[in-house]
Protein backbone atom coordinates (compact mmCIF):
# COMPACT_ATOMS: atom_id res chain seq x y z
CA UNK A 1 0.00 0.00 0.00
CA UNK A 2 2.87 2.38 0.82
CA UNK A 3 4.54 1.55 -2.48
CA UNK A 4 1.35 2.44 -4.32
CA UNK A 5 1.19 5.79 -2.53
CA UNK A 6 4.79 6.66 -3.45
CA UNK A 7 4.37 6.03 -7.17
CA UNK A 8 2.67 9.34 -8.05
CA UNK A 9 5.34 11.31 -6.14
CA UNK A 10 8.25 10.03 -8.24
CA UNK A 11 7.01 11.47 -11.58
CA UNK A 12 6.20 14.74 -9.82
CA UNK A 13 9.73 14.95 -8.40
CA UNK A 14 11.22 14.17 -11.82
CA UNK A 15 9.03 16.80 -13.51
CA UNK A 16 10.03 19.46 -10.99
CA UNK A 17 13.70 18.54 -11.36
CA UNK A 18 13.48 18.75 -15.16
CA UNK A 19 11.69 22.11 -14.97
CA UNK A 20 14.37 23.47 -12.63
CA UNK A 21 17.16 22.17 -14.86
CA UNK A 22 15.53 23.65 -17.94
CA UNK A 23 15.10 27.01 -16.26
CA UNK A 24 18.77 27.05 -15.23
CA UNK A 25 20.03 25.92 -18.64
CA UNK A 26 17.60 28.25 -20.42
CA UNK A 27 18.88 31.28 -18.56
CA UNK A 28 22.62 30.73 -18.52
CA UNK A 29 23.03 28.27 -21.36
CA UNK A 30 21.35 30.66 -23.77
CA UNK A 31 23.64 33.53 -22.81
CA UNK A 32 26.64 31.26 -23.28
CA UNK A 33 25.39 29.96 -26.63
CA UNK A 34 24.77 33.47 -28.00
CA UNK A 35 28.25 34.55 -26.91
CA UNK A 36 29.93 31.37 -28.20
CA UNK A 37 30.28 32.44 -31.84
CA UNK A 38 32.02 35.82 -31.28
CA UNK A 39 34.04 34.36 -28.39
CA UNK A 40 35.32 31.52 -30.55
CA UNK A 41 36.34 33.76 -33.43
CA UNK A 42 37.85 36.30 -31.04
CA UNK A 43 40.09 33.61 -29.55
CA UNK A 44 40.87 32.31 -33.02
CA UNK A 45 42.00 35.76 -34.18
CA UNK A 46 44.17 36.24 -31.08
CA UNK A 47 45.80 32.81 -31.17
CA UNK A 48 45.94 31.79 -34.84
CA UNK A 49 45.67 35.25 -36.34
CA UNK A 50 44.04 36.34 -39.59
CA UNK A 51 45.26 37.51 -42.97
CA UNK A 52 45.38 41.31 -43.13
CA UNK A 53 46.84 41.86 -46.59
CA UNK A 54 50.22 41.61 -48.30
CA UNK A 55 53.50 43.50 -47.85
CA UNK A 56 56.30 42.88 -50.31
CA UNK A 57 54.55 39.80 -51.63
CA UNK A 58 54.27 38.26 -48.16
CA UNK A 59 51.07 37.61 -46.26
CA UNK A 60 50.59 39.83 -43.21
CA UNK A 61 49.06 37.95 -40.28
CA UNK A 62 47.67 39.97 -37.36
CA UNK A 63 46.78 38.77 -33.88
CA UNK A 64 44.16 41.17 -32.54
CA UNK A 65 40.38 41.71 -32.39
CA UNK A 66 40.15 44.26 -35.20
CA UNK A 67 38.49 41.90 -37.66
CA UNK A 68 35.98 40.72 -35.07
CA UNK A 69 35.17 44.34 -34.16
CA UNK A 70 34.57 45.16 -37.83
CA UNK A 71 32.33 42.08 -38.22
CA UNK A 72 30.24 43.05 -35.22
CA UNK A 73 29.93 46.67 -36.37
CA UNK A 74 28.74 45.54 -39.79
CA UNK A 75 26.35 43.11 -38.12
CA UNK A 76 24.85 45.81 -35.92
CA UNK A 77 24.29 48.13 -38.89
CA UNK A 78 22.60 45.32 -40.86
CA UNK A 79 20.62 44.39 -37.77
CA UNK A 80 19.37 47.96 -37.41
CA UNK A 81 17.48 47.53 -40.70
CA UNK A 82 16.01 44.19 -39.57
CA UNK A 83 15.01 45.82 -36.27
CA UNK A 84 12.96 48.49 -38.06
CA UNK A 85 11.04 45.86 -40.02
CA UNK A 86 10.70 43.56 -37.01
CA UNK A 87 9.09 46.31 -34.94
CA UNK A 88 6.31 46.51 -37.53
CA UNK A 89 5.68 42.78 -37.24
CA UNK A 90 5.67 42.83 -33.46
CA UNK A 91 3.35 45.87 -33.20
CA UNK A 92 0.67 44.25 -35.36
CA UNK A 93 0.97 40.85 -33.71
CA UNK A 94 0.83 42.41 -30.26
CA UNK A 95 -2.46 44.15 -31.09
CA UNK A 96 -4.45 41.62 -33.14
CA UNK A 97 -2.20 38.51 -33.01
CA UNK A 98 -1.87 38.38 -36.79
CA UNK A 99 1.29 37.59 -38.73
CA UNK A 100 1.15 40.28 -41.40
CA UNK A 101 2.95 38.44 -44.20
CA UNK A 102 2.50 41.47 -46.46
CA UNK A 103 4.76 43.55 -44.20
CA UNK A 104 7.96 42.53 -45.98
CA UNK A 105 6.48 43.61 -49.29
CA UNK A 106 5.40 46.94 -47.79
CA UNK A 107 9.12 47.35 -47.01
CA UNK A 108 9.84 46.69 -50.70
CA UNK A 109 7.35 49.38 -51.68
CA UNK A 110 9.23 51.70 -49.34
CA UNK A 111 12.47 51.11 -51.23
CA UNK A 112 10.79 51.61 -54.60
CA UNK A 113 9.04 54.79 -53.44
CA UNK A 114 12.25 56.23 -52.02
CA UNK A 115 14.26 55.57 -55.20
CA UNK A 116 11.53 56.95 -57.45
CA UNK A 117 11.07 60.07 -55.33
CA UNK A 118 14.73 61.00 -54.97
CA UNK A 119 15.16 60.46 -58.71
CA UNK A 120 12.16 62.70 -59.40
CA UNK A 121 13.52 65.57 -57.28
CA UNK A 122 16.92 65.31 -58.96
CA UNK A 123 19.16 63.88 -56.23
CA UNK A 124 22.37 62.38 -57.62
CA UNK A 125 25.96 61.64 -56.76
CA UNK A 126 26.93 65.23 -57.68
CA UNK A 127 24.35 66.82 -55.34
CA UNK A 128 25.85 68.99 -52.60
CA UNK A 129 25.88 67.90 -48.97
CA UNK A 130 23.12 70.16 -47.60
CA UNK A 131 20.71 69.66 -50.53
CA UNK A 132 21.38 65.91 -50.33
CA UNK A 133 20.60 65.76 -46.61
CA UNK A 134 17.45 67.84 -47.07
CA UNK A 135 16.35 65.75 -50.05
CA UNK A 136 16.90 62.47 -48.23
CA UNK A 137 15.00 63.69 -45.17
CA UNK A 138 12.10 64.64 -47.45
CA UNK A 139 12.38 61.24 -49.15
CA UNK A 140 12.29 59.54 -45.76
CA UNK A 141 9.09 61.35 -44.82
CA UNK A 142 7.46 60.50 -48.17
CA UNK A 143 8.45 56.82 -47.99
CA UNK A 144 7.13 56.54 -44.43
CA UNK A 145 3.83 58.24 -45.29
CA UNK A 146 3.29 56.12 -48.40
CA UNK A 147 4.02 52.84 -46.60
CA UNK A 148 2.02 53.86 -43.54
CA UNK A 149 -0.99 54.68 -45.74
CA UNK A 150 -0.56 51.45 -47.69
CA UNK A 151 -0.52 49.40 -44.50
CA UNK A 152 -3.68 51.14 -43.24
CA UNK A 153 -5.36 50.40 -46.58
CA UNK A 154 -4.40 46.73 -46.32
CA UNK A 155 -5.81 46.55 -42.79
CA UNK A 156 -9.04 48.28 -43.80
CA UNK A 157 -9.65 46.21 -46.93
CA UNK A 158 -8.27 42.79 -46.02
CA UNK A 159 -8.08 42.34 -42.26
CA UNK A 160 -10.87 44.35 -40.64
CA UNK A 161 -13.72 42.46 -42.36
CA UNK A 162 -12.16 39.19 -41.14
CA UNK A 163 -11.54 40.25 -37.55
CA UNK A 164 -14.16 37.86 -36.15
CA UNK A 165 -13.40 35.10 -38.67
CA UNK A 166 -11.28 32.03 -37.89
CA UNK A 167 -7.58 32.91 -37.62
CA UNK A 168 -6.71 31.04 -40.80
CA UNK A 169 -8.76 33.43 -42.96
CA UNK A 170 -6.79 36.66 -42.27
CA UNK A 171 -3.56 34.65 -42.40
CA UNK A 172 -4.28 33.45 -45.94
CA UNK A 173 -5.45 36.96 -46.87
CA UNK A 174 -2.09 38.32 -45.68
CA UNK A 175 -0.29 35.84 -47.94
CA UNK A 176 -2.53 36.94 -50.82
CA UNK A 177 -1.71 40.62 -50.28
CA UNK A 178 1.97 39.70 -50.19
CA UNK A 179 1.70 38.22 -53.70
CA UNK A 180 -0.29 41.25 -54.89
CA UNK A 181 2.43 43.65 -53.71
CA UNK A 182 5.14 41.45 -55.24
CA UNK A 183 3.40 41.68 -58.62
CA UNK A 184 3.04 45.45 -58.22
CA UNK A 185 6.81 45.58 -57.66
CA UNK A 186 7.36 43.33 -60.67
CA UNK A 187 5.38 45.70 -62.88
CA UNK A 188 7.09 48.74 -61.33
CA UNK A 189 10.77 47.81 -61.72
CA UNK A 190 10.86 44.51 -63.60
CA UNK A 191 12.03 41.11 -62.48
CA UNK A 192 15.76 41.78 -62.12
CA UNK A 193 17.62 43.62 -59.36
CA UNK A 194 18.01 47.30 -60.26
CA UNK A 195 21.07 49.29 -59.25
CA UNK A 196 20.50 52.74 -57.76
CA UNK A 197 22.75 55.75 -57.34
CA UNK A 198 25.18 55.58 -54.43
CA UNK A 199 24.06 58.95 -53.11
CA UNK A 200 25.87 58.78 -49.78
CA UNK A 201 29.05 57.06 -51.07
CA UNK A 202 28.29 54.20 -48.71
CA UNK A 203 31.86 52.90 -48.37
CA UNK A 204 33.36 56.27 -47.47
CA UNK A 205 35.05 56.16 -44.06
CA UNK A 206 33.52 58.22 -41.26
CA UNK A 207 35.49 56.99 -38.24
CA UNK A 208 38.60 54.81 -38.06
CA UNK A 209 39.38 53.47 -34.58
CA UNK A 210 42.15 50.89 -34.13
CA UNK A 211 41.47 49.41 -37.54
CA UNK A 212 37.68 49.25 -37.12
CA UNK A 213 36.06 51.36 -39.82
CA UNK A 214 32.63 52.98 -39.61
CA UNK A 215 31.30 53.60 -43.11
CA UNK A 216 28.66 56.12 -44.13
CA UNK A 217 26.12 53.34 -44.75
CA UNK A 218 26.60 52.10 -41.18
CA UNK A 219 26.17 55.60 -39.80
CA UNK A 220 22.99 56.05 -41.85
CA UNK A 221 21.49 52.83 -40.47
CA UNK A 222 22.18 53.89 -36.87
CA UNK A 223 21.13 57.52 -37.45
CA UNK A 224 17.72 56.50 -38.81
CA UNK A 225 17.00 53.53 -36.54
CA UNK A 226 17.94 54.98 -33.14
CA UNK A 227 15.61 58.04 -33.23
CA UNK A 228 12.72 55.96 -34.60
CA UNK A 229 13.12 53.31 -31.87
CA UNK A 230 13.30 55.96 -29.15
CA UNK A 231 10.39 57.88 -30.66
CA UNK A 232 8.20 54.79 -30.93
CA UNK A 233 9.02 53.76 -27.36
CA UNK A 234 8.14 57.22 -26.09
CA UNK A 235 4.93 57.25 -28.14
CA UNK A 236 3.75 53.88 -26.78
CA UNK A 237 4.63 54.62 -23.16
CA UNK A 238 3.85 58.34 -22.81
CA UNK A 239 1.06 59.35 -25.18
CA UNK A 240 -2.67 58.75 -24.99
CA UNK A 241 -2.84 56.85 -28.32
CA UNK A 242 0.09 54.73 -27.10
CA UNK A 243 -1.77 53.86 -23.92
CA UNK A 244 -4.80 52.99 -26.06
CA UNK A 245 -2.59 50.64 -28.08
CA UNK A 246 -1.39 48.91 -24.92
CA UNK A 247 -4.93 48.62 -23.58
CA UNK A 248 -6.18 47.18 -26.87
CA UNK A 249 -3.33 44.68 -26.90
CA UNK A 250 -4.26 43.48 -23.41
CA UNK A 251 -8.04 43.23 -23.86
CA UNK A 252 -9.85 44.74 -26.87
CA UNK A 253 -13.32 44.31 -25.39
CA UNK A 254 -12.40 45.94 -22.09
CA UNK A 255 -10.69 48.75 -24.00
CA UNK A 256 -13.85 49.29 -26.04
CA UNK A 257 -15.92 49.50 -22.86
CA UNK A 258 -13.54 52.13 -21.51
CA UNK A 259 -14.29 54.35 -24.51
CA UNK A 260 -11.27 53.50 -26.69
CA UNK A 261 -11.92 53.39 -30.43
CA UNK A 262 -10.41 49.96 -31.07
CA UNK A 263 -10.72 50.15 -34.87
CA UNK A 264 -8.93 53.49 -34.92
CA UNK A 265 -6.23 52.15 -32.59
CA UNK A 266 -5.62 49.11 -34.79
CA UNK A 267 -5.38 51.33 -37.88
CA UNK A 268 -2.88 53.53 -36.04
CA UNK A 269 -0.81 50.46 -35.22
CA UNK A 270 -0.74 49.41 -38.86
CA UNK A 271 0.22 52.94 -39.87
CA UNK A 272 3.15 53.00 -37.45
CA UNK A 273 4.32 49.57 -38.61
CA UNK A 274 4.12 50.66 -42.25
CA UNK A 275 6.03 53.87 -41.52
CA UNK A 276 8.84 51.87 -39.94
CA UNK A 277 8.92 49.59 -43.00
CA UNK A 278 9.11 52.67 -45.25
CA UNK A 279 12.07 54.03 -43.28
CA UNK A 280 13.78 50.63 -43.52
CA UNK A 281 13.13 50.62 -47.28
CA UNK A 282 14.97 53.93 -47.73
CA UNK A 283 17.91 52.81 -45.58
CA UNK A 284 18.11 49.49 -47.43
CA UNK A 285 18.16 51.16 -50.86
CA UNK A 286 20.99 53.47 -49.81
CA UNK A 287 22.81 50.70 -47.93
CA UNK A 288 22.69 48.04 -50.66
CA UNK A 289 22.48 50.42 -53.68
CA UNK A 290 20.12 47.92 -55.31
CA UNK A 291 16.40 47.18 -55.14
CA UNK A 292 14.42 44.14 -56.22
CA UNK A 293 10.75 43.26 -56.22
CA UNK A 294 11.47 40.06 -54.23
CA UNK A 295 13.69 41.65 -51.56
CA UNK A 296 10.81 41.80 -49.08
CA UNK A 297 10.48 38.01 -48.90
CA UNK A 298 13.89 37.39 -47.36
CA UNK A 299 13.86 40.62 -45.36
CA UNK A 300 10.40 39.86 -43.98
CA UNK A 301 11.39 36.34 -43.04
CA UNK A 302 14.53 37.51 -41.24
CA UNK A 303 12.68 40.36 -39.51
CA UNK A 304 9.89 38.08 -38.32
CA UNK A 305 12.55 35.68 -37.03
CA UNK A 306 14.06 38.61 -35.12
CA UNK A 307 10.67 39.50 -33.64
CA UNK A 308 10.07 35.91 -32.51
CA UNK A 309 13.59 35.55 -31.14
CA UNK A 310 13.28 38.73 -29.07
CA UNK A 311 9.73 37.96 -27.91
CA UNK A 312 6.77 38.58 -30.19
CA UNK A 313 4.77 41.64 -29.20
CA UNK A 314 7.78 43.11 -27.38
CA UNK A 315 9.22 46.17 -29.16
CA UNK A 316 12.52 46.03 -27.26
CA UNK A 317 12.72 42.33 -28.04
CA UNK A 318 12.29 43.04 -31.76
CA UNK A 319 15.19 45.50 -31.67
CA UNK A 320 17.38 43.06 -29.73
CA UNK A 321 16.48 40.20 -32.06
CA UNK A 322 17.25 42.28 -35.14
CA UNK A 323 20.67 43.34 -33.85
CA UNK A 324 21.54 39.78 -32.81
CA UNK A 325 20.53 38.30 -36.15
CA UNK A 326 22.52 40.99 -37.96
CA UNK A 327 25.64 40.02 -36.00
CA UNK A 328 25.04 36.29 -36.53
CA UNK A 329 24.59 36.85 -40.26
CA UNK A 330 27.75 38.92 -40.60
CA UNK A 331 29.89 36.44 -38.63
CA UNK A 332 28.54 33.56 -40.68
CA UNK A 333 29.03 35.38 -44.00
CA UNK A 334 32.60 36.44 -43.15
CA UNK A 335 33.82 33.31 -41.37
CA UNK A 336 31.79 30.31 -42.56
CA UNK A 337 30.52 31.50 -45.94
CA UNK A 338 27.16 32.89 -47.11
CA UNK A 339 25.93 29.39 -48.00
CA UNK A 340 25.74 28.56 -44.28
CA UNK A 341 24.15 31.78 -43.06
CA UNK A 342 20.47 30.80 -43.20
CA UNK A 343 21.17 27.49 -41.48
CA UNK A 344 23.12 29.24 -38.71
CA UNK A 345 20.46 31.94 -38.19
CA UNK A 346 17.58 29.48 -37.96
CA UNK A 347 19.67 27.12 -35.87
CA UNK A 348 20.00 29.93 -33.34
CA UNK A 349 16.26 30.60 -33.56
CA UNK A 350 15.47 26.96 -32.81
CA UNK A 351 17.87 27.00 -29.87
CA UNK A 352 16.29 30.16 -28.44
CA UNK A 353 12.78 28.75 -28.84
CA UNK A 354 13.73 25.47 -27.12
CA UNK A 355 15.40 27.19 -24.15
CA UNK A 356 13.19 30.30 -24.00
CA UNK A 357 9.86 29.57 -25.74
CA UNK A 358 8.67 33.15 -25.17
CA UNK A 359 11.78 34.74 -26.65
CA UNK A 360 14.75 36.50 -25.12
CA UNK A 361 12.79 39.32 -23.44
CA UNK A 362 9.44 37.54 -23.22
CA UNK A 363 6.24 37.82 -25.20
CA UNK A 364 3.85 40.71 -24.66
CA UNK A 365 0.59 39.27 -25.98
CA UNK A 366 -2.81 38.42 -24.54
CA UNK A 367 -1.92 34.73 -24.46
CA UNK A 368 1.39 35.40 -22.69
CA UNK A 369 -0.32 37.63 -20.11
């Protein structure tokens, strides 16, 4: 009889032990795993060295962290673009729990709009510094307004009528709008990548510190992303519409009873997400000096991965996820080869999801609480 009474306790003890072990490994093991790649290559550069050019026909091998610092800087600037797109994904999912698959293609429309507008107003490589800065700021505003309006239109036409429908219906509609925007891009600029003017001379050196070079393209990515992230955070936390967004994300019905216009709040969320995608589109066009109708597919996939990795619905998590994925991509491209990059990025995503199912900073959705 005593043996029968002890049997249920053993599985309970094992379950608690496994949960404790997983929590410990998930917290510290994840930090170690994320730091493993740069730590390994840092030690490799210090011990084995890396090729830094030729002098007198002989290979110059250096033993320092300059190359690793350059890789991380490039990764952060790439990640800043992914962070802008990821914030749009996480805003929409946090409000209505919808994966807006058309968001990556809205980003593409941002690139196309930016290139067309700066061409129309006559910006070129010979434009002076002040007119160029003014023209690009105006282009940024136009791209953000166009993409914000486009995203609101998509929400009004495709998602709002399906708000009470089964979740599969708006999901398939989002995929359909993604294909529609891809075909618009195909008609707009053709099926091949199109080179654009290098207005900012992207590879020009801005700062050179101990061999680590900050290029103009990197500075542009940081200069656009940082104010937008800070501005969005302030807007969500400090303004009345931002509080309405947070209330709607927590409980739409309760928010409606408190006098919040939920439909207006959802449209505002889509507008903000589209504006961020438009800003990312301008930065991408200047950064890569090429645009393509299919660029939004890969960018959207990477940005959504960043949002999930950081914690879907969490704006800070989207930024962190974007920066991390940018660094992982750059290290993989430079050290392992581009053919391994996607496998490495999604390998990290799987690891994060196994150890931290709610992402690095935790989800901020109704289901997560």
